[in-house]
Amino acid sequence: MARITYYVALPFVRGDDGSLAAEGGVECANPQAAVGRARAMAHGKAGAVAFSRSGEPELGDFDPAVVLAVFGEVPADLSEL
């Protein structure tokens, strides 16, 4: 089975109660694209994060996410990416 790496940009917004919530993430072609997209997403939002995640989709087996860049405010615990 083939391992694959996904690169993702994920924006966060602040809810009415002040909590941070993720909006829809965007898969990107490479790490540089994910960082650039996250930087752009952070404008007008609380913040955004770029991360990668490697694994075997056929098995549903993925390594923990690797944070590539953080812009603005994001949750302190990003372990659930």
Protein backbone atom coordinates (compact mmCIF):
# COMPACT_ATOMS: atom_id res chain seq x y z
CA MET A 1 0.00 0.00 0.00
CA ALA A 2 1.24 3.45 -0.84
CA ARG A 3 1.90 6.16 1.72
CA ILE A 4 0.77 9.61 0.73
CA THR A 5 1.32 13.05 2.20
CA TYR A 6 -1.43 15.65 2.20
CA TYR A 7 -0.69 19.37 2.57
CA VAL A 8 -3.54 21.40 4.04
CA ALA A 9 -4.36 25.02 4.87
CA LEU A 10 -6.99 25.39 7.59
CA PRO A 11 -8.55 28.70 8.70
CA PHE A 12 -9.99 29.42 12.15
CA VAL A 13 -12.75 31.84 13.13
CA ARG A 14 -13.74 33.10 16.55
CA GLY A 15 -17.22 32.06 17.67
CA ASP A 16 -19.72 34.23 19.53
CA ASP A 17 -18.51 32.67 22.78
CA GLY A 18 -14.88 33.54 21.98
CA SER A 19 -13.79 30.01 21.13
CA LEU A 20 -11.81 29.20 18.00
CA ALA A 21 -13.41 26.94 15.41
CA ALA A 22 -11.97 25.48 12.23
CA GLU A 23 -13.58 26.28 8.90
CA GLY A 24 -13.16 24.20 5.74
CA GLY A 25 -9.60 23.19 5.01
CA VAL A 26 -8.08 23.27 1.55
CA GLU A 27 -5.76 20.56 0.25
CA CYS A 28 -2.69 22.00 -1.46
CA ALA A 29 -0.16 20.60 -3.91
CA ASN A 30 2.95 21.08 -1.77
CA PRO A 31 4.17 22.57 1.52
CA GLN A 32 4.87 26.01 0.03
CA ALA A 33 1.38 26.21 -1.40
CA ALA A 34 -0.14 25.22 1.96
CA VAL A 35 1.84 27.91 3.78
CA GLY A 36 0.91 30.56 1.21
CA ARG A 37 -2.75 29.59 1.30
CA ALA A 38 -2.83 29.60 5.12
CA ARG A 39 -1.21 33.06 5.14
CA ALA A 40 -3.90 34.35 2.78
CA MET A 41 -6.71 32.62 4.72
CA ALA A 42 -5.64 34.28 7.97
CA HIS A 43 -6.65 37.71 6.64
CA GLY A 44 -10.14 38.49 7.93
CA LYS A 45 -10.13 35.39 10.16
CA ALA A 46 -8.78 34.70 13.64
CA GLY A 47 -5.91 32.76 12.09
CA ALA A 48 -4.87 29.80 9.99
CA VAL A 49 -2.49 26.87 10.07
CA ALA A 50 -0.65 24.97 7.35
CA PHE A 51 0.09 21.33 8.07
CA SER A 52 0.99 18.04 6.46
CA ARG A 53 -0.23 14.58 7.24
CA SER A 54 1.23 11.32 5.93
CA GLY A 55 -0.26 7.87 5.94
CA GLU A 56 -2.03 5.12 4.11
CA PRO A 57 -5.56 6.24 3.17
CA GLU A 58 -6.62 2.71 2.22
CA LEU A 59 -6.05 1.62 5.82
CA GLY A 60 -7.13 4.88 7.47
CA ASP A 61 -3.71 4.91 9.15
CA PHE A 62 -2.13 8.36 9.43
CA ASP A 63 0.83 9.78 11.33
CA PRO A 64 0.25 12.81 13.55
CA ALA A 65 0.01 16.10 11.68
CA VAL A 66 3.15 18.18 11.22
CA VAL A 67 2.53 21.93 11.59
CA LEU A 68 4.28 23.86 8.82
CA ALA A 69 3.22 27.41 9.77
CA VAL A 70 0.79 29.28 12.01
CA PHE A 71 -0.70 32.70 11.27
CA GLY A 72 -2.73 34.67 13.82
CA GLU A 73 -4.68 32.87 16.52
CA VAL A 74 -5.22 29.13 16.40
CA PRO A 75 -6.06 26.68 19.18
CA ALA A 76 -3.12 25.83 21.45
CA ASP A 77 -3.84 22.12 21.00
CA LEU A 78 -3.63 21.17 17.34
CA SER A 79 -3.31 17.45 18.05
CA GLU A 80 -6.67 16.71 16.39
CA LEU A 81 -5.63 17.94 12.94
